[in-house]
Amino acid sequence: MSFLAVAARARLDVVGYRDAAQAVMDEADPPLRVGRITLRPEVTVRGDVPDSRIHHLLEVAHRECFVARSLTSEVVIEATVVRAT
């Protein structure tokens, strides 16, 4: 949700967004906790916007997200950009 707000402020025409998240908990490293979270957003955009700008906006959204800021786990973003036709 943070990304959609950041994209709207940047006037990016996002026509689709979905995310697949995966969390890893290492049982060999007590106490049990989530050590790493991987987000795999797929962002569908319309218009001539460089992928680098979209990836930058995803990073901005991550920095502004109050949920992400409250975590101690490592969060990795592996984004895919799709062009709307």
PDB file of N, CA and C in Angstrom:
ATOM      1  N   MET A   1       0.816  -1.188   0.000  1.00  0.00           N
ATOM      2  CA  MET A   1       0.000   0.000   0.000  1.00  0.00           C
ATOM      3  C   MET A   1       0.863   1.257   0.000  1.00  0.00           C
ATOM      4  N   SER A   2       1.981   1.208   0.680  1.00  0.00           N
ATOM      5  CA  SER A   2       2.869   2.376   0.687  1.00  0.00           C
ATOM      6  C   SER A   2       3.344   2.704  -0.723  1.00  0.00           C
ATOM      7  N   PHE A   3       3.634   1.658  -1.508  1.00  0.00           N
ATOM      8  CA  PHE A   3       4.107   1.912  -2.868  1.00  0.00           C
ATOM      9  C   PHE A   3       3.055   2.636  -3.693  1.00  0.00           C
ATOM     10  N   LEU A   4       1.796   2.236  -3.569  1.00  0.00           N
ATOM     11  CA  LEU A   4       0.751   2.876  -4.366  1.00  0.00           C
ATOM     12  C   LEU A   4       0.623   4.357  -4.010  1.00  0.00           C
ATOM     13  N   ALA A   5       0.798   4.703  -2.749  1.00  0.00           N
ATOM     14  CA  ALA A   5       0.760   6.113  -2.349  1.00  0.00           C
ATOM     15  C   ALA A   5       1.952   6.865  -2.930  1.00  0.00           C
ATOM     16  N   VAL A   6       3.131   6.276  -2.842  1.00  0.00           N
ATOM     17  CA  VAL A   6       4.344   6.905  -3.390  1.00  0.00           C
ATOM     18  C   VAL A   6       4.214   7.049  -4.907  1.00  0.00           C
ATOM     19  N   ALA A   7       3.721   6.027  -5.573  1.00  0.00           N
ATOM     20  CA  ALA A   7       3.546   6.072  -7.032  1.00  0.00           C
ATOM     21  C   ALA A   7       2.546   7.150  -7.436  1.00  0.00           C
ATOM     22  N   ALA A   8       1.477   7.293  -6.677  1.00  0.00           N
ATOM     23  CA  ALA A   8       0.482   8.332  -6.980  1.00  0.00           C
ATOM     24  C   ALA A   8       1.096   9.720  -6.837  1.00  0.00           C
ATOM     25  N   ARG A   9       1.880   9.933  -5.789  1.00  0.00           N
ATOM     26  CA  ARG A   9       2.546  11.235  -5.609  1.00  0.00           C
ATOM     27  C   ARG A   9       3.510  11.520  -6.745  1.00  0.00           C
ATOM     28  N   ALA A  10       4.129  10.464  -7.286  1.00  0.00           N
ATOM     29  CA  ALA A  10       5.091  10.616  -8.383  1.00  0.00           C
ATOM     30  C   ALA A  10       4.403  10.637  -9.746  1.00  0.00           C
ATOM     31  N   ARG A  11       3.081  10.571  -9.754  1.00  0.00           N
ATOM     32  CA  ARG A  11       2.273  10.569 -10.981  1.00  0.00           C
ATOM     33  C   ARG A  11       2.611   9.398 -11.907  1.00  0.00           C
ATOM     34  N   LEU A  12       2.907   8.268 -11.293  1.00  0.00           N
ATOM     35  CA  LEU A  12       3.165   7.043 -12.039  1.00  0.00           C
ATOM     36  C   LEU A  12       1.828   6.355 -12.296  1.00  0.00           C
ATOM     37  N   ASP A  13       1.590   5.948 -13.527  1.00  0.00           N
ATOM     38  CA  ASP A  13       0.325   5.321 -13.892  1.00  0.00           C
ATOM     39  C   ASP A  13       0.412   3.815 -13.640  1.00  0.00           C
ATOM     40  N   VAL A  14       0.115   3.415 -12.410  1.00  0.00           N
ATOM     41  CA  VAL A  14       0.135   2.006 -12.020  1.00  0.00           C
ATOM     42  C   VAL A  14      -1.234   1.411 -12.339  1.00  0.00           C
ATOM     43  N   VAL A  15      -1.244   0.382 -13.176  1.00  0.00           N
ATOM     44  CA  VAL A  15      -2.511  -0.246 -13.553  1.00  0.00           C
ATOM     45  C   VAL A  15      -2.662  -1.634 -12.937  1.00  0.00           C
ATOM     46  N   GLY A  16      -1.623  -2.098 -12.246  1.00  0.00           N
ATOM     47  CA  GLY A  16      -1.697  -3.388 -11.568  1.00  0.00           C
ATOM     48  C   GLY A  16      -0.583  -3.523 -10.547  1.00  0.00           C
ATOM     49  N   TYR A  17      -0.914  -4.181  -9.437  1.00  0.00           N
ATOM     50  CA  TYR A  17       0.093  -4.416  -8.400  1.00  0.00           C
ATOM     51  C   TYR A  17      -0.303  -5.676  -7.642  1.00  0.00           C
ATOM     52  N   ARG A  18       0.642  -6.580  -7.518  1.00  0.00           N
ATOM     53  CA  ARG A  18       0.442  -7.745  -6.661  1.00  0.00           C
ATOM     54  C   ARG A  18       1.779  -8.090  -6.046  1.00  0.00           C
ATOM     55  N   ASP A  19       1.722  -8.768  -4.927  1.00  0.00           N
ATOM     56  CA  ASP A  19       2.953  -9.076  -4.219  1.00  0.00           C
ATOM     57  C   ASP A  19       2.883 -10.494  -3.688  1.00  0.00           C
ATOM     58  N   ALA A  20       4.000 -11.165  -3.717  1.00  0.00           N
ATOM     59  CA  ALA A  20       4.139 -12.484  -3.110  1.00  0.00           C
ATOM     60  C   ALA A  20       5.249 -12.353  -2.073  1.00  0.00           C
ATOM     61  N   ALA A  21       4.918 -12.613  -0.826  1.00  0.00           N
ATOM     62  CA  ALA A  21       5.889 -12.470   0.250  1.00  0.00           C
ATOM     63  C   ALA A  21       6.265 -13.840   0.796  1.00  0.00           C
ATOM     64  N   GLN A  22       7.493 -13.936   1.249  1.00  0.00           N
ATOM     65  CA  GLN A  22       7.976 -15.168   1.850  1.00  0.00           C
ATOM     66  C   GLN A  22       8.797 -14.799   3.078  1.00  0.00           C
ATOM     67  N   ALA A  23       8.524 -15.471   4.186  1.00  0.00           N
ATOM     68  CA  ALA A  23       9.279 -15.238   5.417  1.00  0.00           C
ATOM     69  C   ALA A  23      10.067 -16.496   5.758  1.00  0.00           C
ATOM     70  N   VAL A  24      11.270 -16.298   6.284  1.00  0.00           N
ATOM     71  CA  VAL A  24      12.130 -17.417   6.654  1.00  0.00           C
ATOM     72  C   VAL A  24      12.413 -17.343   8.148  1.00  0.00           C
ATOM     73  N   MET A  25      12.207 -18.478   8.817  1.00  0.00           N
ATOM     74  CA  MET A  25      12.482 -18.576  10.237  1.00  0.00           C
ATOM     75  C   MET A  25      13.499 -19.698  10.425  1.00  0.00           C
ATOM     76  N   ASP A  26      14.657 -19.367  10.960  1.00  0.00           N
ATOM     77  CA  ASP A  26      15.725 -20.350  11.142  1.00  0.00           C
ATOM     78  C   ASP A  26      15.557 -21.025  12.501  1.00  0.00           C
ATOM     79  N   GLU A  27      15.091 -22.278  12.473  1.00  0.00           N
ATOM     80  CA  GLU A  27      14.856 -23.010  13.717  1.00  0.00           C
ATOM     81  C   GLU A  27      16.149 -23.364  14.433  1.00  0.00           C
ATOM     82  N   ALA A  28      17.278 -23.307  13.751  1.00  0.00           N
ATOM     83  CA  ALA A  28      18.566 -23.636  14.357  1.00  0.00           C
ATOM     84  C   ALA A  28      19.166 -22.449  15.104  1.00  0.00           C
ATOM     85  N   ASP A  29      18.500 -21.298  15.046  1.00  0.00           N
ATOM     86  CA  ASP A  29      19.026 -20.078  15.675  1.00  0.00           C
ATOM     87  C   ASP A  29      18.001 -19.532  16.672  1.00  0.00           C
ATOM     88  N   PRO A  30      17.903 -20.163  17.877  1.00  0.00           N
ATOM     89  CA  PRO A  30      16.910 -19.697  18.846  1.00  0.00           C
ATOM     90  C   PRO A  30      17.249 -18.301  19.360  1.00  0.00           C
ATOM     91  N   PRO A  31      16.270 -17.543  19.813  1.00  0.00           N
ATOM     92  CA  PRO A  31      14.858 -17.889  19.868  1.00  0.00           C
ATOM     93  C   PRO A  31      14.240 -17.814  18.476  1.00  0.00           C
ATOM     94  N   LEU A  32      13.154 -18.557  18.295  1.00  0.00           N
ATOM     95  CA  LEU A  32      12.485 -18.561  16.994  1.00  0.00           C
ATOM     96  C   LEU A  32      11.991 -17.162  16.648  1.00  0.00           C
ATOM     97  N   ARG A  33      12.332 -16.732  15.461  1.00  0.00           N
ATOM     98  CA  ARG A  33      11.897 -15.421  14.976  1.00  0.00           C
ATOM     99  C   ARG A  33      12.037 -15.416  13.466  1.00  0.00           C
ATOM    100  N   VAL A  34      11.329 -14.520  12.829  1.00  0.00           N
ATOM    101  CA  VAL A  34      11.462 -14.349  11.389  1.00  0.00           C
ATOM    102  C   VAL A  34      12.750 -13.573  11.149  1.00  0.00           C
ATOM    103  N   GLY A  35      13.659 -14.169  10.417  1.00  0.00           N
ATOM    104  CA  GLY A  35      14.948 -13.540  10.180  1.00  0.00           C
ATOM    105  C   GLY A  35      15.042 -12.782   8.865  1.00  0.00           C
ATOM    106  N   ARG A  36      14.234 -13.194   7.909  1.00  0.00           N
ATOM    107  CA  ARG A  36      14.297 -12.567   6.584  1.00  0.00           C
ATOM    108  C   ARG A  36      12.918 -12.618   5.931  1.00  0.00           C
ATOM    109  N   ILE A  37      12.554 -11.528   5.289  1.00  0.00           N
ATOM    110  CA  ILE A  37      11.307 -11.442   4.547  1.00  0.00           C
ATOM    111  C   ILE A  37      11.659 -11.009   3.127  1.00  0.00           C
ATOM    112  N   THR A  38      11.167 -11.762   2.161  1.00  0.00           N
ATOM    113  CA  THR A  38      11.386 -11.406   0.757  1.00  0.00           C
ATOM    114  C   THR A  38      10.042 -11.014   0.149  1.00  0.00           C
ATOM    115  N   LEU A  39       9.997  -9.801  -0.393  1.00  0.00           N
ATOM    116  CA  LEU A  39       8.814  -9.303  -1.083  1.00  0.00           C
ATOM    117  C   LEU A  39       9.087  -9.372  -2.577  1.00  0.00           C
ATOM    118  N   ARG A  40       8.122  -9.877  -3.313  1.00  0.00           N
ATOM    119  CA  ARG A  40       8.262  -9.981  -4.771  1.00  0.00           C
ATOM    120  C   ARG A  40       7.104  -9.258  -5.455  1.00  0.00           C
ATOM    121  N   PRO A  41       7.127  -7.925  -5.402  1.00  0.00           N
ATOM    122  CA  PRO A  41       6.045  -7.197  -6.049  1.00  0.00           C
ATOM    123  C   PRO A  41       6.155  -7.270  -7.567  1.00  0.00           C
ATOM    124  N   GLU A  42       4.987  -7.343  -8.194  1.00  0.00           N
ATOM    125  CA  GLU A  42       4.899  -7.242  -9.651  1.00  0.00           C
ATOM    126  C   GLU A  42       4.090  -5.983  -9.923  1.00  0.00           C
ATOM    127  N   VAL A  43       4.743  -4.994 -10.505  1.00  0.00           N
ATOM    128  CA  VAL A  43       4.133  -3.693 -10.752  1.00  0.00           C
ATOM    129  C   VAL A  43       3.882  -3.549 -12.246  1.00  0.00           C
ATOM    130  N   THR A  44       2.632  -3.315 -12.610  1.00  0.00           N
ATOM    131  CA  THR A  44       2.280  -3.093 -14.012  1.00  0.00           C
ATOM    132  C   THR A  44       2.033  -1.605 -14.199  1.00  0.00           C
ATOM    133  N   VAL A  45       2.779  -1.005 -15.127  1.00  0.00           N
ATOM    134  CA  VAL A  45       2.684   0.438 -15.355  1.00  0.00           C
ATOM    135  C   VAL A  45       2.369   0.731 -16.808  1.00  0.00           C
ATOM    136  N   ARG A  46       1.795   1.898 -17.004  1.00  0.00           N
ATOM    137  CA  ARG A  46       1.529   2.399 -18.348  1.00  0.00           C
ATOM    138  C   ARG A  46       2.411   3.629 -18.539  1.00  0.00           C
ATOM    139  N   GLY A  47       2.958   3.767 -19.724  1.00  0.00           N
ATOM    140  CA  GLY A  47       3.777   4.936 -20.014  1.00  0.00           C
ATOM    141  C   GLY A  47       5.251   4.593 -20.088  1.00  0.00           C
ATOM    142  N   ASP A  48       6.011   5.579 -20.498  1.00  0.00           N
ATOM    143  CA  ASP A  48       7.454   5.408 -20.701  1.00  0.00           C
ATOM    144  C   ASP A  48       8.197   5.818 -19.432  1.00  0.00           C
ATOM    145  N   VAL A  49       8.254   4.907 -18.482  1.00  0.00           N
ATOM    146  CA  VAL A  49       8.922   5.156 -17.204  1.00  0.00           C
ATOM    147  C   VAL A  49      10.071   4.165 -17.087  1.00  0.00           C
ATOM    148  N   PRO A  50      11.284   4.647 -16.836  1.00  0.00           N
ATOM    149  CA  PRO A  50      12.412   3.723 -16.703  1.00  0.00           C
ATOM    150  C   PRO A  50      12.221   2.764 -15.520  1.00  0.00           C
ATOM    151  N   ASP A  51      12.642   1.527 -15.696  1.00  0.00           N
ATOM    152  CA  ASP A  51      12.583   0.558 -14.596  1.00  0.00           C
ATOM    153  C   ASP A  51      13.296   1.089 -13.364  1.00  0.00           C
ATOM    154  N   SER A  52      14.402   1.798 -13.576  1.00  0.00           N
ATOM    155  CA  SER A  52      15.173   2.309 -12.443  1.00  0.00           C
ATOM    156  C   SER A  52      14.340   3.254 -11.579  1.00  0.00           C
ATOM    157  N   ARG A  53      13.460   4.033 -12.196  1.00  0.00           N
ATOM    158  CA  ARG A  53      12.595   4.944 -11.430  1.00  0.00           C
ATOM    159  C   ARG A  53      11.582   4.159 -10.595  1.00  0.00           C
ATOM    160  N   ILE A  54      11.033   3.111 -11.167  1.00  0.00           N
ATOM    161  CA  ILE A  54      10.072   2.288 -10.428  1.00  0.00           C
ATOM    162  C   ILE A  54      10.755   1.606  -9.250  1.00  0.00           C
ATOM    163  N   HIS A  55      11.942   1.076  -9.474  1.00  0.00           N
ATOM    164  CA  HIS A  55      12.688   0.438  -8.376  1.00  0.00           C
ATOM    165  C   HIS A  55      13.030   1.463  -7.296  1.00  0.00           C
ATOM    166  N   HIS A  56      13.368   2.671  -7.696  1.00  0.00           N
ATOM    167  CA  HIS A  56      13.643   3.733  -6.719  1.00  0.00           C
ATOM    168  C   HIS A  56      12.396   4.031  -5.890  1.00  0.00           C
ATOM    169  N   LEU A  57      11.245   4.129  -6.538  1.00  0.00           N
ATOM    170  CA  LEU A  57      10.007   4.412  -5.818  1.00  0.00           C
ATOM    171  C   LEU A  57       9.634   3.269  -4.877  1.00  0.00           C
ATOM    172  N   LEU A  58       9.936   2.039  -5.255  1.00  0.00           N
ATOM    173  CA  LEU A  58       9.720   0.911  -4.348  1.00  0.00           C
ATOM    174  C   LEU A  58      10.592   1.042  -3.102  1.00  0.00           C
ATOM    175  N   GLU A  59      11.826   1.466  -3.269  1.00  0.00           N
ATOM    176  CA  GLU A  59      12.712   1.673  -2.116  1.00  0.00           C
ATOM    177  C   GLU A  59      12.209   2.813  -1.229  1.00  0.00           C
ATOM    178  N   VAL A  60      11.749   3.897  -1.846  1.00  0.00           N
ATOM    179  CA  VAL A  60      11.187   5.015  -1.079  1.00  0.00           C
ATOM    180  C   VAL A  60       9.988   4.529  -0.268  1.00  0.00           C
ATOM    181  N   ALA A  61       9.111   3.763  -0.906  1.00  0.00           N
ATOM    182  CA  ALA A  61       7.935   3.243  -0.213  1.00  0.00           C
ATOM    183  C   ALA A  61       8.338   2.358   0.958  1.00  0.00           C
ATOM    184  N   HIS A  62       9.361   1.548   0.768  1.00  0.00           N
ATOM    185  CA  HIS A  62       9.837   0.682   1.850  1.00  0.00           C
ATOM    186  C   HIS A  62      10.346   1.519   3.025  1.00  0.00           C
ATOM    187  N   ARG A  63      11.091   2.571   2.745  1.00  0.00           N
ATOM    188  CA  ARG A  63      11.605   3.441   3.815  1.00  0.00           C
ATOM    189  C   ARG A  63      10.488   4.166   4.546  1.00  0.00           C
ATOM    190  N   GLU A  64       9.394   4.498   3.844  1.00  0.00           N
ATOM    191  CA  GLU A  64       8.283   5.235   4.444  1.00  0.00           C
ATOM    192  C   GLU A  64       7.257   4.337   5.132  1.00  0.00           C
ATOM    193  N   CYS A  65       7.310   3.044   4.920  1.00  0.00           N
ATOM    194  CA  CYS A  65       6.311   2.119   5.449  1.00  0.00           C
ATOM    195  C   CYS A  65       6.489   1.927   6.956  1.00  0.00           C
ATOM    196  N   PHE A  66       5.428   2.242   7.722  1.00  0.00           N
ATOM    197  CA  PHE A  66       5.543   2.134   9.171  1.00  0.00           C
ATOM    198  C   PHE A  66       5.674   0.685   9.620  1.00  0.00           C
ATOM    199  N   VAL A  67       5.116  -0.271   8.878  1.00  0.00           N
ATOM    200  CA  VAL A  67       5.271  -1.678   9.235  1.00  0.00           C
ATOM    201  C   VAL A  67       6.720  -2.102   9.028  1.00  0.00           C
ATOM    202  N   ALA A  68       7.289  -1.765   7.887  1.00  0.00           N
ATOM    203  CA  ALA A  68       8.686  -2.130   7.604  1.00  0.00           C
ATOM    204  C   ALA A  68       9.639  -1.501   8.620  1.00  0.00           C
ATOM    205  N   ARG A  69       9.354  -0.271   9.023  1.00  0.00           N
ATOM    206  CA  ARG A  69      10.227   0.410   9.985  1.00  0.00           C
ATOM    207  C   ARG A  69      10.149  -0.221  11.373  1.00  0.00           C
ATOM    208  N   SER A  70       9.082  -0.943  11.657  1.00  0.00           N
ATOM    209  CA  SER A  70       8.938  -1.545  12.981  1.00  0.00           C
ATOM    210  C   SER A  70       9.544  -2.949  13.058  1.00  0.00           C
ATOM    211  N   LEU A  71      10.031  -3.467  11.949  1.00  0.00           N
ATOM    212  CA  LEU A  71      10.609  -4.818  11.920  1.00  0.00           C
ATOM    213  C   LEU A  71      12.097  -4.798  12.196  1.00  0.00           C
ATOM    214  N   THR A  72      12.576  -5.867  12.816  1.00  0.00           N
ATOM    215  CA  THR A  72      14.021  -6.045  12.957  1.00  0.00           C
ATOM    216  C   THR A  72      14.549  -7.052  11.941  1.00  0.00           C
ATOM    217  N   SER A  73      13.654  -7.737  11.261  1.00  0.00           N
ATOM    218  CA  SER A  73      14.041  -8.721  10.251  1.00  0.00           C
ATOM    219  C   SER A  73      14.583  -8.020   9.009  1.00  0.00           C
ATOM    220  N   GLU A  74      15.459  -8.725   8.302  1.00  0.00           N
ATOM    221  CA  GLU A  74      15.932  -8.240   7.011  1.00  0.00           C
ATOM    222  C   GLU A  74      14.781  -8.330   6.014  1.00  0.00           C
ATOM    223  N   VAL A  75      14.566  -7.264   5.246  1.00  0.00           N
ATOM    224  CA  VAL A  75      13.534  -7.264   4.207  1.00  0.00           C
ATOM    225  C   VAL A  75      14.216  -7.038   2.861  1.00  0.00           C
ATOM    226  N   VAL A  76      13.963  -7.973   1.934  1.00  0.00           N
ATOM    227  CA  VAL A  76      14.551  -7.905   0.599  1.00  0.00           C
ATOM    228  C   VAL A  76      13.418  -7.707  -0.402  1.00  0.00           C
ATOM    229  N   ILE A  77      13.635  -6.810  -1.359  1.00  0.00           N
ATOM    230  CA  ILE A  77      12.627  -6.555  -2.381  1.00  0.00           C
ATOM    231  C   ILE A  77      13.158  -7.029  -3.727  1.00  0.00           C
ATOM    232  N   GLU A  78      12.421  -7.966  -4.339  1.00  0.00           N
ATOM    233  CA  GLU A  78      12.774  -8.494  -5.666  1.00  0.00           C
ATOM    234  C   GLU A  78      11.609  -8.173  -6.603  1.00  0.00           C
ATOM    235  N   ALA A  79      11.649  -6.999  -7.186  1.00  0.00           N
ATOM    236  CA  ALA A  79      10.517  -6.498  -7.967  1.00  0.00           C
ATOM    237  C   ALA A  79      10.607  -6.884  -9.440  1.00  0.00           C
ATOM    238  N   THR A  80       9.441  -7.016 -10.039  1.00  0.00           N
ATOM    239  CA  THR A  80       9.304  -7.227 -11.465  1.00  0.00           C
ATOM    240  C   THR A  80       8.428  -6.107 -12.022  1.00  0.00           C
ATOM    241  N   VAL A  81       8.869  -5.501 -13.114  1.00  0.00           N
ATOM    242  CA  VAL A  81       8.099  -4.435 -13.757  1.00  0.00           C
ATOM    243  C   VAL A  81       7.487  -4.995 -15.037  1.00  0.00           C
ATOM    244  N   VAL A  82       6.188  -4.766 -15.197  1.00  0.00           N
ATOM    245  CA  VAL A  82       5.457  -5.216 -16.375  1.00  0.00           C
ATOM    246  C   VAL A  82       4.903  -3.976 -17.069  1.00  0.00           C
ATOM    247  N   ARG A  83       4.960  -3.957 -18.374  1.00  0.00           N
ATOM    248  CA  ARG A  83       4.435  -2.840 -19.165  1.00  0.00           C
ATOM    249  C   ARG A  83       3.022  -3.148 -19.637  1.00  0.00           C
ATOM    250  N   ALA A  84       2.098  -2.248 -19.364  1.00  0.00           N
ATOM    251  CA  ALA A  84       0.723  -2.404 -19.836  1.00  0.00           C
ATOM    252  C   ALA A  84       0.683  -2.118 -21.336  1.00  0.00           C
ATOM    253  N   THR A  85      -0.145  -2.835 -22.033  1.00  0.00           N
ATOM    254  CA  THR A  85      -0.270  -2.616 -23.476  1.00  0.00           C
ATOM    255  C   THR A  85      -1.545  -1.878 -23.802  1.00  0.00           C
TER     256      THR A  85
END
